Amino acid sequence: MSRRAEIVRAAERLLEEHGAEALTMRRLGEELGMRAPSLYKHIAGKGDLVTALQGRALLLQAEAMAGALTLADLAGAYRAWACAHPRLYELVARHPLDRAALPPGAESAAAGPLLRAVGGDVDRARAVWAVAHGLVDLELAGRLPADADLDAAWAAAVAAFTAAAGTAR
């Protein structure tokens, strides 16, 4: 593993364990047993680190969803990944992406399983992703009532998109 990859993995641990506020070059240096200025040999700065984490998140999402063959399987994989990695999810889903600086193919790898599940329809894929993102955001923020049946909400969303596919175009 390259030193840069080691730094990004340590940053991911800090992010997931302590939140975005803990993601400083000084704290990262302490985590790795090195002085913060030494990090700059491998990471250009905080923006570069965030982009590297976003690229990692996209690739991990793609990996988590790779085996999903149906929209229901895909929704379940997306939700499970987001709930298992809530802060990494937030970093990739709630912040702008510097697409030019992401690892080549990372975003398309994450989008690929969804595009396949909706037959390549980009607009439909964006709509499905928006609904899934909204449900995950509400779940992670604890914004749904305590008695809300989240599994039923996910099933209803999948059913709506599945039914719409049968009547679309």
Protein backbone atom coordinates (compact mmCIF):
# COMPACT_ATOMS: atom_id res chain seq x y z
CA MET A 1 0.00 0.00 0.00
CA SER A 2 1.35 3.42 -0.94
CA ARG A 3 1.95 6.03 1.73
CA ARG A 4 -0.82 8.16 0.20
CA ALA A 5 -3.27 5.24 0.43
CA GLU A 6 -2.22 4.67 4.04
CA ILE A 7 -2.90 8.33 4.81
CA VAL A 8 -6.32 8.19 3.13
CA ARG A 9 -7.27 5.06 5.09
CA ALA A 10 -6.21 6.73 8.35
CA ALA A 11 -8.26 9.78 7.40
CA GLU A 12 -11.24 7.52 6.74
CA ARG A 13 -10.90 6.00 10.22
CA LEU A 14 -10.72 9.46 11.80
CA LEU A 15 -13.72 10.62 9.82
CA GLU A 16 -15.87 7.62 10.71
CA GLU A 17 -14.86 7.53 14.37
CA HIS A 18 -14.81 11.24 15.19
CA GLY A 19 -16.57 13.13 12.39
CA ALA A 20 -15.51 15.70 9.84
CA GLU A 21 -14.36 18.16 12.49
CA ALA A 22 -11.59 15.72 13.48
CA LEU A 23 -10.28 15.61 9.94
CA THR A 24 -7.36 18.00 10.29
CA MET A 25 -3.85 17.57 8.97
CA ARG A 26 -2.49 17.87 12.51
CA ARG A 27 -4.81 15.17 13.86
CA LEU A 28 -4.10 12.96 10.87
CA GLY A 29 -0.37 13.37 11.44
CA GLU A 30 -0.80 12.36 15.09
CA GLU A 31 -2.82 9.32 14.02
CA LEU A 32 0.00 8.24 11.71
CA GLY A 33 2.84 9.16 14.04
CA MET A 34 4.19 11.82 11.72
CA ARG A 35 4.34 15.59 11.71
CA ALA A 36 1.59 17.32 9.79
CA PRO A 37 4.05 19.04 7.40
CA SER A 38 5.29 15.60 6.30
CA LEU A 39 1.76 14.76 5.14
CA TYR A 40 2.05 17.45 2.46
CA LYS A 41 4.57 15.29 0.61
CA HIS A 42 1.68 12.90 -0.10
CA ILE A 43 -1.49 15.02 0.24
CA ALA A 44 -1.63 18.56 -1.17
CA GLY A 45 -3.98 19.75 1.57
CA LYS A 46 -7.40 19.28 3.09
CA GLY A 47 -9.19 19.63 -0.26
CA ASP A 48 -7.02 16.92 -1.78
CA LEU A 49 -7.70 14.71 1.23
CA VAL A 50 -11.48 15.21 0.95
CA THR A 51 -11.37 14.40 -2.77
CA ALA A 52 -9.32 11.28 -2.07
CA LEU A 53 -11.88 10.20 0.54
CA GLN A 54 -14.73 10.88 -1.87
CA GLY A 55 -13.02 8.78 -4.52
CA ARG A 56 -12.55 5.98 -2.03
CA ALA A 57 -16.21 6.24 -1.00
CA LEU A 58 -17.39 6.00 -4.60
CA LEU A 59 -15.24 2.93 -5.22
CA LEU A 60 -16.42 1.30 -1.99
CA GLN A 61 -20.04 2.03 -2.93
CA ALA A 62 -19.47 0.48 -6.34
CA GLU A 63 -17.98 -2.60 -4.70
CA ALA A 64 -20.89 -2.88 -2.25
CA MET A 65 -23.46 -2.66 -5.04
CA ALA A 66 -21.64 -4.70 -7.68
CA GLY A 67 -23.55 -7.93 -7.09
CA ALA A 68 -27.00 -6.33 -6.97
CA LEU A 69 -29.08 -7.54 -9.89
CA THR A 70 -32.46 -6.00 -9.09
CA LEU A 71 -33.49 -2.52 -8.03
CA ALA A 72 -34.53 -3.92 -4.64
CA ASP A 73 -31.11 -5.55 -4.16
CA LEU A 74 -29.41 -2.36 -5.23
CA ALA A 75 -31.45 -0.22 -2.83
CA GLY A 76 -30.64 -2.61 -0.01
CA ALA A 77 -26.93 -2.56 -0.80
CA TYR A 78 -26.87 1.25 -1.06
CA ARG A 79 -28.71 1.64 2.23
CA ALA A 80 -26.53 -0.93 4.00
CA TRP A 81 -23.33 0.72 2.78
CA ALA A 82 -24.50 4.19 3.77
CA CYS A 83 -25.60 3.05 7.23
CA ALA A 84 -22.32 1.19 7.78
CA HIS A 85 -20.25 4.23 6.69
CA PRO A 86 -22.41 7.24 7.60
CA ARG A 87 -19.72 9.89 7.67
CA LEU A 88 -18.01 8.71 4.52
CA TYR A 89 -21.46 8.62 2.91
CA GLU A 90 -22.12 12.20 4.02
CA LEU A 91 -18.80 13.34 2.59
CA VAL A 92 -19.54 11.91 -0.83
CA ALA A 93 -23.30 12.55 -0.96
CA ARG A 94 -23.61 16.00 0.60
CA HIS A 95 -20.56 17.81 -0.71
CA PRO A 96 -19.51 18.87 -4.21
CA LEU A 97 -17.22 16.52 -6.09
CA ASP A 98 -14.06 17.74 -7.76
CA ARG A 99 -14.68 15.40 -10.66
CA ALA A 100 -11.42 16.25 -12.40
CA ALA A 101 -9.45 15.16 -9.33
CA LEU A 102 -11.35 11.96 -8.54
CA PRO A 103 -9.73 8.65 -9.41
CA PRO A 104 -10.54 7.88 -13.06
CA GLY A 105 -13.77 5.92 -13.34
CA ALA A 106 -14.73 6.20 -9.65
CA GLU A 107 -17.98 8.05 -10.21
CA SER A 108 -19.01 5.91 -13.16
CA ALA A 109 -18.19 2.75 -11.17
CA ALA A 110 -20.56 3.89 -8.41
CA ALA A 111 -23.26 4.84 -10.92
CA GLY A 112 -22.85 1.71 -13.05
CA PRO A 113 -24.95 -0.72 -10.99
CA LEU A 114 -27.84 1.75 -10.83
CA LEU A 115 -27.68 2.53 -14.53
CA ARG A 116 -27.76 -1.20 -15.29
CA ALA A 117 -30.73 -1.71 -12.96
CA VAL A 118 -32.75 0.97 -14.78
CA GLY A 119 -31.80 -0.10 -18.28
CA GLY A 120 -29.39 2.78 -18.90
CA ASP A 121 -32.01 5.53 -18.43
CA VAL A 122 -29.94 8.36 -16.90
CA ASP A 123 -32.94 10.46 -15.86
CA ARG A 124 -34.57 7.51 -14.12
CA ALA A 125 -31.27 6.60 -12.46
CA ARG A 126 -30.99 10.14 -11.07
CA ALA A 127 -34.55 10.00 -9.78
CA VAL A 128 -33.97 6.64 -8.08
CA TRP A 129 -30.72 7.90 -6.59
CA ALA A 130 -32.42 11.05 -5.30
CA VAL A 131 -35.11 9.00 -3.55
CA ALA A 132 -32.55 6.59 -2.10
CA HIS A 133 -30.37 9.50 -0.99
CA GLY A 134 -33.36 11.16 0.66
CA LEU A 135 -34.35 8.01 2.53
CA VAL A 136 -30.78 7.42 3.70
CA ASP A 137 -30.41 11.05 4.79
CA LEU A 138 -33.64 10.90 6.78
CA GLU A 139 -32.59 7.62 8.37
CA LEU A 140 -29.09 8.78 9.29
CA ALA A 141 -30.41 12.05 10.71
CA GLY A 142 -33.07 10.26 12.76
CA ARG A 143 -35.69 12.49 11.12
CA LEU A 144 -38.41 9.90 10.65
CA PRO A 145 -40.84 9.19 13.49
CA ALA A 146 -39.75 6.46 15.89
CA ASP A 147 -42.56 4.20 14.72
CA ALA A 148 -41.74 4.64 11.01
CA ASP A 149 -41.26 1.36 9.17
CA LEU A 150 -38.14 2.16 7.16
CA ASP A 151 -38.12 -1.20 5.43
CA ALA A 152 -41.68 -0.58 4.24
CA ALA A 153 -40.72 2.90 2.99
CA TRP A 154 -37.81 1.45 1.01
CA ALA A 155 -40.03 -1.31 -0.39
CA ALA A 156 -42.64 1.28 -1.43
CA ALA A 157 -40.00 3.39 -3.19
CA VAL A 158 -38.64 0.38 -5.07
CA ALA A 159 -42.17 -0.73 -5.97
CA ALA A 160 -43.02 2.74 -7.29
CA PHE A 161 -39.99 2.80 -9.56
CA THR A 162 -40.49 -0.80 -10.62
CA ALA A 163 -44.16 -0.17 -11.46
CA ALA A 164 -43.28 3.06 -13.28
CA ALA A 165 -40.79 1.17 -15.43
CA GLY A 166 -43.60 -1.03 -16.70
CA THR A 167 -45.64 1.99 -17.81
CA ALA A 168 -42.84 4.34 -18.88
CA ARG A 169 -42.35 5.20 -22.52
